[in-house]
Protein backbone atom coordinates (compact mmCIF):
# COMPACT_ATOMS: atom_id res chain seq x y z
CA MET A 1 -1.69 -21.68 -5.23
CA ALA A 2 1.58 -21.27 -7.50
CA SER A 3 -0.47 -22.63 -10.65
CA THR A 4 -2.91 -19.46 -10.11
CA MET A 5 -0.96 -16.83 -9.44
CA GLY A 6 0.90 -16.30 -12.88
CA THR A 7 1.43 -18.26 -15.96
CA ASN A 8 5.33 -18.19 -16.46
CA THR A 9 8.29 -18.66 -14.16
CA SER A 10 10.58 -17.49 -16.49
CA ASN A 11 9.22 -13.81 -16.14
CA ARG A 12 9.86 -11.41 -13.19
CA VAL A 13 10.75 -8.35 -11.89
CA GLU A 14 13.44 -6.37 -9.15
CA VAL A 15 11.49 -4.69 -6.10
CA PHE A 16 12.56 -2.80 -3.92
CA ALA A 17 11.05 -0.59 -0.84
CA LEU A 18 11.17 3.06 -0.35
CA PRO A 19 11.05 4.49 3.05
CA THR A 20 8.67 7.37 2.00
CA GLY A 21 8.05 8.90 5.35
CA LYS A 22 6.59 8.36 8.95
CA LEU A 23 3.69 8.77 10.85
CA TYR A 24 1.89 8.16 14.04
CA LEU A 25 -1.95 6.25 14.40
CA PRO A 26 -3.83 7.11 16.82
CA ASP A 27 -5.18 3.39 18.28
CA ARG A 28 -8.86 4.07 18.26
CA TRP A 29 -8.33 5.03 14.79
CA LEU A 30 -6.74 1.27 14.09
CA PHE A 31 -8.75 -0.75 17.02
CA GLU A 32 -12.12 -0.97 18.17
CA ASP A 33 -10.35 -2.29 21.40
CA GLY A 34 -8.29 0.92 21.47
CA ASP A 35 -7.32 3.29 23.83
CA ASN A 36 -9.64 7.19 23.20
CA ASP A 37 -6.35 9.09 24.03
CA MET A 38 -6.01 10.05 20.37
CA ILE A 39 -2.67 11.83 21.72
CA ARG A 40 -1.01 9.47 24.06
CA SER A 41 -2.38 6.22 22.43
CA ARG A 42 -0.45 5.90 19.25
CA GLN A 43 1.15 3.38 16.79
CA PHE A 44 4.13 4.31 14.75
CA SER A 45 3.43 3.26 11.42
CA PRO A 46 6.35 3.46 8.28
CA ASP A 47 5.04 4.76 5.01
CA PHE A 48 6.48 2.46 2.40
CA SER A 49 6.32 2.82 -1.22
CA PHE A 50 7.46 0.30 -4.11
CA LEU A 51 9.44 0.82 -6.99
CA ILE A 52 9.53 -2.20 -9.42
CA CYS A 53 11.74 -2.45 -12.39
CA HIS A 54 10.56 -4.83 -14.94
CA PRO A 55 13.06 -6.52 -17.83
CA SER A 56 11.85 -3.95 -20.40
CA GLY A 57 13.80 -1.48 -18.69
CA LYS A 58 10.47 0.11 -17.32
CA ARG A 59 9.98 1.41 -14.12
CA VAL A 60 6.93 1.47 -11.65
CA LEU A 61 6.67 3.20 -8.71
CA PHE A 62 3.36 1.93 -5.96
CA ASP A 63 2.49 4.60 -4.39
CA LEU A 64 4.37 7.64 -3.74
CA GLY A 65 4.48 7.69 0.17
CA LEU A 66 4.08 10.85 1.99
CA ARG A 67 4.99 14.34 0.38
CA LYS A 68 8.06 17.00 1.86
CA ASP A 69 5.94 19.69 1.91
CA LEU A 70 3.32 19.17 4.50
CA GLU A 71 2.13 22.67 4.11
CA ASN A 72 0.77 21.84 1.00
CA ASN A 73 -1.44 18.86 1.59
CA PRO A 74 -5.30 19.55 1.78
CA GLU A 75 -6.35 21.54 4.73
CA VAL A 76 -8.21 18.90 6.30
CA ILE A 77 -5.40 16.77 6.50
CA GLN A 78 -3.46 19.21 8.06
CA LEU A 79 -5.63 19.55 11.20
CA ASP A 80 -4.99 15.99 12.18
CA TYR A 81 -0.78 16.40 12.21
CA ARG A 82 -1.40 17.17 15.75
CA TYR A 83 -2.48 13.05 16.30
CA ILE A 84 -0.59 11.70 13.10
CA SER A 85 2.64 13.58 13.45
CA PRO A 86 4.18 12.89 10.26
CA VAL A 87 7.90 13.28 8.85
CA VAL A 88 9.36 13.12 5.43
CA PRO A 89 13.04 13.08 5.60
CA LYS A 90 12.94 12.90 1.88
CA ASP A 91 10.52 11.69 -0.64
CA ALA A 92 10.21 9.22 -3.33
CA PHE A 93 11.90 11.37 -5.91
CA ASP A 94 14.75 12.05 -3.37
CA LEU A 95 15.15 8.11 -2.14
CA LEU A 96 15.54 7.74 -5.86
CA ALA A 97 18.02 10.31 -6.46
CA ASP A 98 19.90 9.13 -3.80
CA GLY A 99 20.14 5.11 -5.77
CA HIS A 100 21.04 3.78 -9.35
CA VAL A 101 17.63 4.46 -10.44
CA SER A 102 16.74 8.09 -12.12
CA PRO A 103 13.28 9.66 -10.98
CA SER A 104 12.82 10.91 -14.77
CA SER A 105 13.00 7.40 -15.84
CA ILE A 106 9.88 6.06 -13.65
CA THR A 107 6.99 5.40 -16.58
CA THR A 108 4.32 5.12 -14.24
CA VAL A 109 3.07 5.66 -10.91
CA VAL A 110 0.50 3.32 -9.94
CA PHE A 111 -1.28 4.58 -6.63
CA SER A 112 -2.78 2.13 -4.35
CA HIS A 113 -5.98 4.85 -3.73
CA LEU A 114 -5.65 8.49 -3.29
CA HIS A 115 -5.25 9.70 0.38
CA PHE A 116 -2.74 11.71 1.19
CA ASP A 117 0.16 9.74 2.53
CA HIS A 118 0.33 7.20 -0.74
CA THR A 119 -0.19 10.27 -2.92
CA GLY A 120 2.79 12.02 -2.69
CA ASP A 121 4.20 14.80 -5.12
CA CYS A 122 2.99 13.71 -8.29
CA THR A 123 4.42 16.87 -10.20
CA ARG A 124 7.19 15.82 -9.37
CA PHE A 125 6.61 13.12 -12.12
CA PRO A 126 5.34 15.17 -14.58
CA ASP A 127 6.25 12.69 -17.73
CA ALA A 128 4.88 8.99 -15.69
CA ASP A 129 1.51 7.68 -16.49
CA MET A 130 -0.47 7.63 -13.06
CA ILE A 131 -2.73 4.53 -12.68
CA ILE A 132 -5.54 4.60 -9.90
CA GLY A 133 -8.25 2.16 -9.77
CA PRO A 134 -11.70 1.47 -11.04
CA GLY A 135 -14.00 4.32 -9.03
CA GLY A 136 -11.04 6.41 -7.94
CA VAL A 137 -12.20 9.42 -9.75
CA ALA A 138 -15.87 9.66 -9.05
CA ALA A 139 -14.84 9.27 -5.20
CA THR A 140 -12.18 11.74 -5.22
CA THR A 141 -13.38 14.85 -7.95
CA PRO A 142 -12.25 17.54 -7.88
CA GLY A 143 -10.45 17.45 -5.18
CA TRP A 144 -8.88 19.97 -3.14
CA PRO A 145 -8.15 23.56 -3.53
CA SER A 146 -11.41 23.30 -5.49
CA VAL A 147 -13.04 21.70 -3.10
CA PRO A 148 -11.66 23.38 0.42
CA LYS A 149 -12.36 21.03 2.74
CA SER A 150 -11.71 17.66 0.48
CA PRO A 151 -9.27 15.14 1.63
CA PHE A 152 -8.00 14.36 -1.92
CA HIS A 153 -5.30 16.44 -3.54
CA GLY A 154 -6.58 17.33 -6.65
CA SER A 155 -3.48 17.67 -8.73
CA ILE A 156 -3.27 13.79 -9.25
CA LEU A 157 -7.15 14.32 -11.09
CA VAL A 158 -5.59 16.71 -13.43
CA HIS A 159 -2.38 15.22 -14.51
CA PRO A 160 -2.02 15.03 -18.05
CA GLN A 161 -1.01 11.26 -17.62
CA LEU A 162 -3.82 10.03 -15.74
CA ARG A 163 -5.64 6.69 -16.42
CA GLU A 164 -8.01 4.97 -14.59
CA LEU A 165 -8.46 1.20 -14.87
CA SER A 166 -12.34 -0.16 -15.95
CA PHE A 167 -13.73 -3.27 -14.97
CA GLU A 168 -15.55 -3.07 -18.10
CA THR A 169 -12.84 -2.01 -20.60
CA ASP A 170 -9.67 -3.27 -18.94
CA THR A 171 -9.15 -7.45 -18.81
CA TRP A 172 -9.32 -8.53 -15.20
CA ILE A 173 -8.48 -12.63 -14.32
CA PRO A 174 -8.91 -14.53 -10.95
CA PHE A 175 -5.39 -14.41 -9.18
CA GLY A 176 -5.04 -16.73 -5.78
CA PRO A 177 -7.99 -15.84 -3.60
CA PHE A 178 -8.47 -12.76 -5.29
CA PRO A 179 -11.51 -12.50 -8.41
CA ARG A 180 -10.07 -9.28 -10.12
CA ALA A 181 -6.09 -9.05 -11.10
CA TYR A 182 -5.02 -6.94 -13.79
CA ASP A 183 -1.57 -8.73 -15.45
CA PHE A 184 0.16 -4.91 -15.94
CA PHE A 185 2.81 -6.12 -18.51
CA GLY A 186 1.01 -8.77 -19.81
CA ASP A 187 3.34 -11.34 -18.83
CA GLY A 188 2.47 -12.57 -15.45
CA SER A 189 5.58 -10.81 -13.47
CA PHE A 190 3.40 -8.06 -11.99
CA PHE A 191 -0.66 -7.41 -11.38
CA LEU A 192 -2.54 -5.15 -9.76
CA LEU A 193 -4.89 -6.55 -7.38
CA ASP A 194 -8.64 -4.92 -6.70
CA THR A 195 -8.51 -5.04 -2.78
CA PRO A 196 -12.02 -3.41 -1.92
CA GLY A 197 -12.78 -1.68 1.28
CA HIS A 198 -10.31 1.16 2.26
CA MET A 199 -12.09 3.26 -0.69
CA PRO A 200 -13.46 2.99 -4.17
CA GLY A 201 -10.21 2.46 -6.47
CA HIS A 202 -8.15 1.04 -3.88
CA LEU A 203 -5.05 -1.50 -5.38
CA GLY A 204 -3.08 -3.89 -4.20
CA ALA A 205 -0.06 -5.04 -5.62
CA MET A 206 1.50 -9.00 -6.70
CA ALA A 207 5.41 -9.13 -8.14
CA ARG A 208 6.58 -12.49 -8.97
CA THR A 209 10.34 -11.94 -7.67
CA SER A 210 11.80 -15.37 -8.64
CA VAL A 211 10.47 -18.98 -9.07
CA ASP A 212 7.74 -19.55 -6.65
CA GLU A 213 8.15 -16.08 -4.74
CA TRP A 214 6.17 -12.97 -4.13
CA VAL A 215 6.06 -9.76 -2.95
CA PHE A 216 2.50 -8.58 -2.40
CA MET A 217 2.37 -4.16 -1.77
CA GLY A 218 -0.99 -4.21 0.71
CA GLY A 219 -1.27 -0.13 0.36
CA ASP A 220 -3.83 0.38 3.18
CA CYS A 221 -5.88 -3.01 2.99
CA CYS A 222 -4.75 -3.61 6.41
CA HIS A 223 -3.01 -0.54 8.70
CA HIS A 224 -1.07 -3.14 11.32
CA ARG A 225 0.13 -6.23 11.55
CA ALA A 226 -2.24 -7.08 14.53
CA LEU A 227 -5.35 -6.87 12.58
CA LEU A 228 -4.10 -9.20 9.64
CA THR A 229 -3.02 -12.05 12.21
CA GLY A 230 -6.62 -11.75 13.91
CA HIS A 231 -4.91 -10.28 17.36
CA ARG A 232 -7.40 -7.08 17.51
CA PRO A 233 -10.56 -6.08 16.43
CA MET A 234 -10.72 -3.23 13.34
CA SER A 235 -12.58 0.21 14.25
CA VAL A 236 -15.30 -0.01 12.43
CA THR A 237 -16.96 3.46 14.99
CA VAL A 238 -13.96 5.81 15.45
CA GLY A 239 -11.97 6.81 12.55
CA PRO A 240 -9.78 10.19 11.37
CA GLY A 241 -12.24 13.34 11.32
CA ILE A 242 -15.53 12.36 11.43
CA ALA A 243 -15.10 8.81 9.56
CA PRO A 244 -16.67 6.07 11.61
CA SER A 245 -13.75 3.63 10.62
CA PHE A 246 -10.52 3.93 8.60
CA HIS A 247 -12.46 2.31 6.04
CA SER A 248 -15.03 3.27 3.60
CA ASP A 249 -16.55 -0.37 3.99
CA PRO A 250 -15.78 -1.97 6.61
CA ALA A 251 -17.23 -5.59 5.65
CA ALA A 252 -15.58 -5.54 2.04
CA ALA A 253 -12.46 -4.30 3.81
CA LYS A 254 -12.54 -7.27 6.14
CA GLN A 255 -12.96 -10.07 3.49
CA THR A 256 -10.24 -8.39 1.84
CA ILE A 257 -7.60 -8.86 4.57
CA GLU A 258 -8.90 -12.55 4.86
CA LYS A 259 -7.36 -13.12 0.96
CA VAL A 260 -4.22 -11.44 2.38
CA ARG A 261 -4.16 -13.79 5.41
CA VAL A 262 -4.64 -16.74 2.29
CA LEU A 263 -1.69 -15.34 0.22
CA GLU A 264 0.31 -15.24 3.40
CA LYS A 265 -0.04 -18.67 4.63
CA GLU A 266 1.13 -20.12 1.49
CA GLY A 267 4.54 -18.91 2.51
CA THR A 268 5.58 -18.28 -1.04
CA VAL A 269 4.57 -14.61 -0.38
CA LEU A 270 5.89 -11.54 1.44
CA VAL A 271 3.21 -9.46 3.12
CA ALA A 272 4.43 -6.26 2.66
CA LEU A 273 1.41 -3.78 3.80
CA ALA A 274 2.50 -0.18 3.57
CA HIS A 275 2.60 1.33 7.34
CA ASP A 276 3.71 -2.30 8.47
CA ALA A 277 5.89 -0.98 11.43
CA LYS A 278 6.97 -5.12 11.87
CA LEU A 279 9.11 -4.17 8.53
CA GLU A 280 10.59 -1.27 9.94
CA GLY A 281 14.63 -1.86 10.14
CA LYS A 282 13.99 -5.53 9.09
CA MET A 283 13.08 -5.69 5.04
CA PRO A 284 15.69 -4.22 3.21
CA GLU A 285 15.36 -0.98 1.30
CA TYR A 286 16.09 0.47 -1.54
CA PRO A 287 18.82 0.37 -3.44
CA GLU A 288 18.79 -3.34 -2.08
CA ALA A 289 16.07 -5.29 -3.46
CA LEU A 290 13.17 -7.83 -1.78
CA ASN A 291 14.20 -10.56 -4.64
CA GLY A 292 15.37 -13.13 -2.78
CA TRP A 293 13.60 -12.83 0.38
CA ARG A 294 12.79 -16.54 1.21
CA GLY A 295 15.30 -18.32 2.82
CA SER A 296 16.71 -14.68 4.12
CA GLU A 297 18.12 -14.16 7.10
CA TRP A 298 16.01 -11.22 7.73
CA LYS A 299 13.07 -12.77 6.70
CA ARG A 300 13.78 -15.76 9.32
CA ASP A 301 14.17 -12.92 12.16
CA LEU A 302 11.06 -11.44 10.81
CA ASP A 303 9.36 -14.63 10.88
CA ALA A 304 10.55 -15.70 14.68
CA GLU A 305 9.60 -12.60 15.79
CA LEU A 306 6.21 -12.36 14.56
CA ALA A 307 5.86 -15.46 15.77
CA ARG A 308 6.62 -14.45 18.90
CA GLU A 309 4.48 -11.40 19.53
CA PHE A 310 1.28 -13.21 17.79
CA PRO A 311 0.89 -16.77 18.22
CA PRO A 312 -1.94 -18.49 16.08
CA VAL A 313 -5.25 -17.31 17.27
CA GLU A 314 -8.49 -20.25 17.44
CA SER A 315 -10.62 -17.63 14.69
CA SER A 316 -9.59 -14.85 12.85
CA GLY A 317 -12.60 -13.26 13.25
CA SER A 318 -11.52 -10.52 16.12
CA ALA A 319 -9.64 -8.98 13.92
CA SER A 320 -12.20 -8.31 11.24
């Protein structure tokens, strides 16, 4: 698959993981066979965002994670705090400021989608371009507080540098198992992938970090490692609020998860899901880069742990 994943192996970017918050997700929201007790049975979920540094000097954030001022999230989101218990020691702005990249140097923020635990506080990056996937505007406009019961924060929708990608006017190419990918820098180093299912406009991202080495940033295409491996079935009858699932289109979400499995089996792709607790404490975090993860001790240890906890299953259908 390496020949289909980009065209120029000399072009690469640096990628850094940012631990932009933590929360807990009820087991039943995640798994069809989950415990119905929303308080006692919850899964710890980190909230990772990512910094991508291009040789040109351009710097991109993929997601912003949670915002620190939790009281300024939409009211319907705050109603779920008793279940999800969000904690934000430092947001994306603070984490960057603690390291070698100034927050003011961020040129673009790409949102995997517009749920609150990925949008952070975009007003802290007033000069950066804001990029969302096709269909994202229609699915969320006008947002909160214009619509009091909307779960989407309207600040992104009125950001002066907001740009929504288009399937009609932007150029998309096949990339590995994904039929549509957008070459962000135009040099094969960083792609935005159409990863449908979770909500309209959902994007994944693929960054080339070395020769035959990539990092896939999955957003919410999959919420738990057990869903990716096929060891537990995705919930399709219970979700946040009155939603029957975490995903607006569960069938499409299952197909996307299958494509992510294909990527991971290649052995050249590090799959970094926003809420994968198995990465917590193992995956290097900013200011240490993810480049060079292939052959690293931390990745060998992670693979060994995953092999013990998630032995191969005969069929992946049960997870999706």
